[in-house]
Protein backbone atom coordinates (compact mmCIF):
# COMPACT_ATOMS: atom_id res chain seq x y z
CA MET A 1 -12.67 56.68 16.81
CA THR A 2 -12.98 59.48 19.25
CA GLY A 3 -10.87 62.56 19.68
CA ARG A 4 -9.95 65.29 17.34
CA ARG A 5 -8.35 64.87 14.00
CA PRO A 6 -4.62 65.54 13.66
CA LYS A 7 -3.61 68.84 12.16
CA VAL A 8 -1.64 68.34 8.96
CA ILE A 9 0.80 71.05 7.97
CA ILE A 10 1.92 70.88 4.38
CA ASP A 11 5.20 72.60 3.67
CA ASP A 12 4.69 74.13 0.22
CA ASP A 13 8.42 74.36 -0.45
CA ILE A 14 8.88 70.62 -0.11
CA TYR A 15 5.69 69.19 -1.56
CA ARG A 16 4.99 71.65 -4.36
CA PRO A 17 8.02 72.17 -6.57
CA THR A 18 8.45 75.55 -8.16
CA LYS A 19 8.44 76.18 -11.88
CA ALA A 20 12.24 76.54 -11.81
CA GLN A 21 12.62 73.14 -10.10
CA LYS A 22 10.37 71.51 -12.70
CA GLU A 23 12.35 73.08 -15.56
CA ASN A 24 15.61 72.01 -13.91
CA ARG A 25 14.41 68.41 -13.69
CA GLU A 26 13.16 68.53 -17.28
CA ASN A 27 16.44 69.94 -18.61
CA SER A 28 18.58 67.46 -16.68
CA THR A 29 17.00 64.46 -18.44
CA PRO A 30 19.77 62.81 -20.44
CA ILE A 31 19.22 62.52 -24.17
CA TYR A 32 21.14 59.74 -25.91
CA GLN A 33 21.25 60.45 -29.61
CA SER A 34 22.98 57.24 -30.72
CA GLN A 35 23.40 53.87 -29.12
CA ASN A 36 24.93 50.64 -30.27
CA PHE A 37 22.81 47.74 -29.14
CA ILE A 38 24.94 44.71 -29.99
CA PRO A 39 22.81 41.56 -30.05
CA PRO A 40 23.92 38.71 -27.76
CA PRO A 41 25.35 35.74 -29.66
CA SER A 42 22.90 33.36 -27.95
CA LEU A 43 19.90 34.67 -29.93
CA ASN A 44 18.50 32.47 -32.69
CA GLU A 45 17.13 33.79 -36.01
CA LYS A 46 13.59 34.49 -34.80
CA GLU A 47 14.84 36.18 -31.64
CA LEU A 48 17.25 38.25 -33.73
CA GLU A 49 14.32 39.52 -35.84
CA VAL A 50 12.55 40.64 -32.66
CA TRP A 51 15.84 42.19 -31.45
CA ASN A 52 16.22 44.25 -34.65
CA TRP A 53 12.61 45.45 -34.38
CA LEU A 54 13.14 46.41 -30.73
CA VAL A 55 16.36 48.31 -31.47
CA LYS A 56 14.63 50.16 -34.30
CA ILE A 57 11.86 51.20 -31.89
CA PHE A 58 14.41 52.48 -29.36
CA ARG A 59 16.36 54.43 -31.93
CA GLU A 60 13.26 56.13 -33.33
CA THR A 61 11.27 56.89 -30.21
CA ILE A 62 12.50 56.41 -26.69
CA ASN A 63 16.17 55.61 -26.92
CA CYS A 64 16.90 58.02 -24.09
CA ALA A 65 15.14 55.74 -21.61
CA VAL A 66 17.12 52.61 -22.50
CA THR A 67 20.88 52.30 -22.34
CA ASP A 68 23.39 49.58 -23.11
CA CYS A 69 23.02 48.14 -19.61
CA ASP A 70 19.48 47.02 -20.50
CA VAL A 71 20.68 44.53 -23.12
CA HIS A 72 19.89 41.51 -20.93
CA LEU A 73 16.34 42.72 -20.37
CA MET A 74 15.94 43.18 -24.11
CA GLU A 75 17.26 39.64 -24.65
CA LEU A 76 14.69 38.23 -22.22
CA TYR A 77 11.94 40.14 -24.01
CA CYS A 78 13.02 38.63 -27.35
CA ARG A 79 12.90 35.12 -25.91
CA ALA A 80 9.45 35.66 -24.36
CA LYS A 81 8.09 37.16 -27.58
CA VAL A 82 9.30 34.24 -29.69
CA ALA A 83 7.88 31.74 -27.18
CA THR A 84 4.53 33.56 -27.32
CA ASP A 85 4.53 33.42 -31.12
CA GLU A 86 5.38 29.69 -31.08
CA ALA A 87 2.52 29.02 -28.67
CA ASP A 88 0.17 31.01 -30.91
CA ALA A 89 1.23 28.95 -33.93
CA ALA A 90 0.66 25.72 -31.99
CA MET A 91 -2.74 26.99 -30.86
CA LYS A 92 -3.79 27.36 -34.50
CA ASN A 93 -3.19 23.64 -35.01
CA GLU A 94 -4.86 22.56 -31.76
CA THR A 95 -7.58 25.06 -30.84
CA ARG A 96 -9.28 23.00 -28.15
CA ALA A 97 -8.83 24.01 -24.53
CA TYR A 98 -8.38 20.37 -23.48
CA ILE A 99 -6.56 17.64 -25.34
CA ARG A 100 -6.92 13.85 -25.09
CA VAL A 101 -3.85 12.09 -23.78
CA PRO A 102 -3.61 8.28 -23.60
CA ASN A 103 -2.99 7.15 -20.04
CA GLY A 104 -1.75 3.62 -20.84
CA ASN A 105 -4.81 1.81 -19.41
CA PHE A 106 -7.30 -0.29 -21.38
CA ASP A 107 -10.95 -0.99 -20.75
CA PHE A 108 -12.61 -4.46 -20.87
CA ASN A 109 -13.06 -4.27 -24.64
CA GLY A 110 -9.35 -3.55 -25.24
CA LYS A 111 -9.81 0.12 -26.11
CA GLU A 112 -7.22 2.52 -24.77
CA LYS A 113 -8.39 4.98 -22.13
CA TYR A 114 -7.72 8.70 -22.41
CA THR A 115 -7.52 11.53 -19.95
CA LEU A 116 -8.35 15.12 -20.68
CA LYS A 117 -5.45 17.44 -20.10
CA GLU A 118 -5.34 21.20 -20.36
CA ASN A 119 -3.76 22.41 -23.59
CA PRO A 120 -0.17 23.37 -22.58
CA ASN A 121 0.03 26.00 -25.31
CA ILE A 122 -2.62 28.12 -23.61
CA LYS A 123 -0.56 28.39 -20.43
CA LYS A 124 2.66 28.92 -22.39
CA ARG A 125 1.10 31.74 -24.40
CA LYS A 126 -0.44 33.38 -21.34
CA ASP A 127 2.74 33.23 -19.23
CA ASN A 128 5.00 34.50 -21.99
CA ALA A 129 2.57 37.26 -22.98
CA LEU A 130 2.55 38.47 -19.37
CA LEU A 131 6.36 38.41 -19.37
CA CYS A 132 6.37 40.43 -22.59
CA LEU A 133 4.11 43.04 -21.03
CA ARG A 134 6.25 43.22 -17.90
CA PHE A 135 9.45 43.63 -19.93
CA PHE A 136 7.73 46.18 -22.18
CA ASP A 137 6.80 48.21 -19.11
CA GLN A 138 10.30 48.03 -17.67
CA LEU A 139 11.84 49.05 -20.99
CA GLY A 140 9.51 52.05 -21.16
CA LEU A 141 7.43 50.93 -24.13
CA THR A 142 3.96 51.04 -22.60
CA PRO A 143 1.97 54.29 -22.55
CA LEU A 144 2.04 54.38 -18.75
CA ALA A 145 5.81 53.88 -18.65
CA ARG A 146 6.29 56.68 -21.19
CA ALA A 147 4.08 58.95 -19.13
CA ARG A 148 6.11 58.15 -16.02
CA ALA A 149 9.31 59.01 -17.89
CA GLY A 150 7.99 62.42 -18.89
CA VAL A 151 7.65 64.13 -22.25
CA LYS A 152 11.36 64.30 -23.00
CA GLY A 153 11.78 60.69 -21.98
CA ALA A 154 9.01 59.64 -24.35
CA ASN A 155 10.33 61.59 -27.33
CA ALA A 156 14.08 61.30 -27.59
CA LYS A 157 14.49 63.55 -30.59
CA ARG A 158 14.58 67.17 -29.61
CA GLU A 159 11.68 68.95 -31.22
CA GLU A 160 10.29 72.35 -30.64
CA ASP A 161 7.52 72.24 -28.10
CA ILE A 162 4.82 74.65 -29.25
CA PHE A 163 3.15 74.69 -25.86
CA ALA A 164 6.33 75.60 -23.95
CA GLY A 165 6.14 79.12 -25.33
CA LEU A 166 2.60 79.48 -24.06
CA LEU A 167 3.46 78.16 -20.60
CA ASN A 168 6.60 80.30 -20.21
CA ARG A 169 5.08 83.54 -21.49
CA SER A 170 4.55 86.58 -19.37
CA ASP A 171 1.57 88.86 -19.81
CA GLU A 172 3.58 91.99 -19.04
CA LYS A 173 3.98 92.89 -22.73
CA CYS A 174 0.28 93.26 -23.31
């Protein structure tokens, strides 16, 4: 390309937030101290176990990122997790990547012919594990999702931040 490069003017007020704007955003993060996650009646026993584990995680760590409107997403996660576990259990019984399936044809000696078919449990486990990871990310349970939510979003319980005093100090007293 020929010609001169465009001159880019960066407006510092827009693109670089001030310390007060950052504190304002940090203090406006809602903190939900208690939530009632009522399990849907359509969950079976295994899915209900996963549900109780998930609710316990939310109540102890990041319950401020998840509200009652995320119940359907939590339900889908429970179903995907149980399907992944079932596929894992089936994989322990049949560890081969391909299984022999009779195709209904016979050779000249009268022996039945078989076809090799990919083990369906491998695909089931892979697909449901990817769904679990996607739901985990959307619910804020992955490290990257917690980092995107910010420090207060990752730790719902209000604790004293020992580094906040260092960052907000002024050196005028020295």
